[in-house]
Structure formats: structure tokens, C-alpha cells
Amino acid sequence: MCFLIEQVHLDYLEAGADIIITASYQATIQGFEAKGFSKGDSEALLRKSVEIACEAREIYHDRCREGSPDGNNDGRVL
């Protein structure tokens, strides 16, 4: 699942997005707790959503520094 979310972030960046969101806009600690997650697990899930977005950003920036944001070496640059 994380890979799919990371890929969506990358797709948005490659399409020209300047900002990406964490895909956690409707998630809350209270909501996770209502589903049986502990407070610690709930916090970890929200933190993971930020980590995934940051990882996608870093992959995109690395590709741009190499001259190819999509990894295809087709000449597209940031």
C-alpha cells in the first residue's frame, strides 16, 4: 500500500505539482482509536503518512538532480 501512495505523490510531482499532501486529511487519532488502534499506533500511522510524502519528495528531487524526474532519462527536468 505504501508504494501505491508514494507513486501517487510522484505522479503529482512529475505532473508539475508544487505541493503534495500526506493522504491523511480525514484521519484522526480519535478515529483510529474508535476502530481499536492504540493512541501510539494512531500517531505512528499519521507519522507514516508524512514519511511517505517526504520519501516521494526525496525520490523526485534525486531524479531531478540526475536530470530525469520520472526516472526514464527522457530529458524532462525540474
Protein backbone atom coordinates (compact mmCIF):
# COMPACT_ATOMS: atom_id res chain seq x y z
CA MET A 1 0.00 0.00 0.00
CA CYS A 2 2.74 2.46 0.86
CA PHE A 3 4.26 2.01 -2.56
CA LEU A 4 0.98 2.98 -4.23
CA ILE A 5 0.65 6.14 -2.18
CA GLU A 6 4.28 7.04 -2.82
CA GLN A 7 3.71 6.53 -6.56
CA VAL A 8 0.69 8.85 -6.49
CA HIS A 9 2.82 11.52 -4.81
CA LEU A 10 5.48 11.05 -7.50
CA ASP A 11 2.86 11.23 -10.26
CA TYR A 12 1.63 14.57 -8.93
CA LEU A 13 5.17 15.93 -8.65
CA GLU A 14 6.04 14.76 -12.16
CA ALA A 15 2.87 16.45 -13.44
CA GLY A 16 4.09 19.75 -12.02
CA ALA A 17 2.65 19.90 -8.51
CA ASP A 18 4.46 22.25 -6.15
CA ILE A 19 2.72 20.84 -3.09
CA ILE A 20 1.69 17.32 -2.08
CA ILE A 21 -0.47 16.31 0.87
CA THR A 22 0.01 13.38 3.22
CA ALA A 23 -3.12 11.45 2.21
CA SER A 24 -4.21 11.61 5.85
CA TYR A 25 -6.60 14.55 5.58
CA GLN A 26 -9.53 12.60 7.05
CA ALA A 27 -7.51 10.54 9.54
CA THR A 28 -7.57 11.41 13.22
CA ILE A 29 -6.22 9.83 16.35
CA GLN A 30 -9.77 9.69 17.71
CA GLY A 31 -10.98 7.97 14.56
CA PHE A 32 -8.23 5.36 14.72
CA GLU A 33 -8.93 4.78 18.41
CA ALA A 34 -12.61 4.27 17.62
CA LYS A 35 -11.51 1.48 15.27
CA GLY A 36 -9.47 -0.18 18.02
CA PHE A 37 -6.00 1.26 17.42
CA SER A 38 -3.98 2.45 20.40
CA LYS A 39 -3.02 6.11 20.68
CA GLY A 40 0.59 5.18 19.91
CA ASP A 41 -0.38 3.18 16.84
CA SER A 42 -2.64 6.00 15.69
CA GLU A 43 0.17 8.52 16.00
CA ALA A 44 2.51 6.16 14.15
CA LEU A 45 0.06 5.84 11.26
CA LEU A 46 -0.21 9.61 10.89
CA ARG A 47 3.56 9.95 11.13
CA LYS A 48 3.97 7.27 8.43
CA SER A 49 1.80 9.28 6.04
CA VAL A 50 4.22 12.20 6.39
CA GLU A 51 7.23 9.92 5.96
CA ILE A 52 5.80 8.51 2.71
CA ALA A 53 5.26 12.01 1.30
CA CYS A 54 8.79 13.04 2.32
CA GLU A 55 10.26 9.91 0.73
CA ALA A 56 8.44 10.66 -2.53
CA ARG A 57 9.72 14.22 -2.44
CA GLU A 58 13.29 13.00 -1.97
CA ILE A 59 12.98 10.49 -4.83
CA TYR A 60 11.65 13.24 -7.08
CA HIS A 61 14.41 15.67 -6.11
CA ASP A 62 17.06 12.99 -6.65
CA ARG A 63 15.68 12.27 -10.11
CA CYS A 64 15.63 15.98 -10.92
CA ARG A 65 19.25 16.36 -9.86
CA GLU A 66 20.09 13.47 -12.19
CA GLY A 67 18.17 15.22 -14.97
CA SER A 68 15.13 12.97 -15.12
CA PRO A 69 12.26 13.43 -12.63
CA ASP A 70 10.42 10.33 -13.81
CA GLY A 71 13.49 8.07 -13.89
CA ASN A 72 13.13 7.46 -17.65
CA ASN A 73 16.04 9.66 -18.72
CA ASP A 74 13.84 11.24 -21.39
CA GLY A 75 15.27 14.71 -20.90
CA ARG A 76 12.49 16.09 -18.72
CA VAL A 77 13.88 18.18 -15.91
CA LEU A 78 12.55 20.15 -12.99
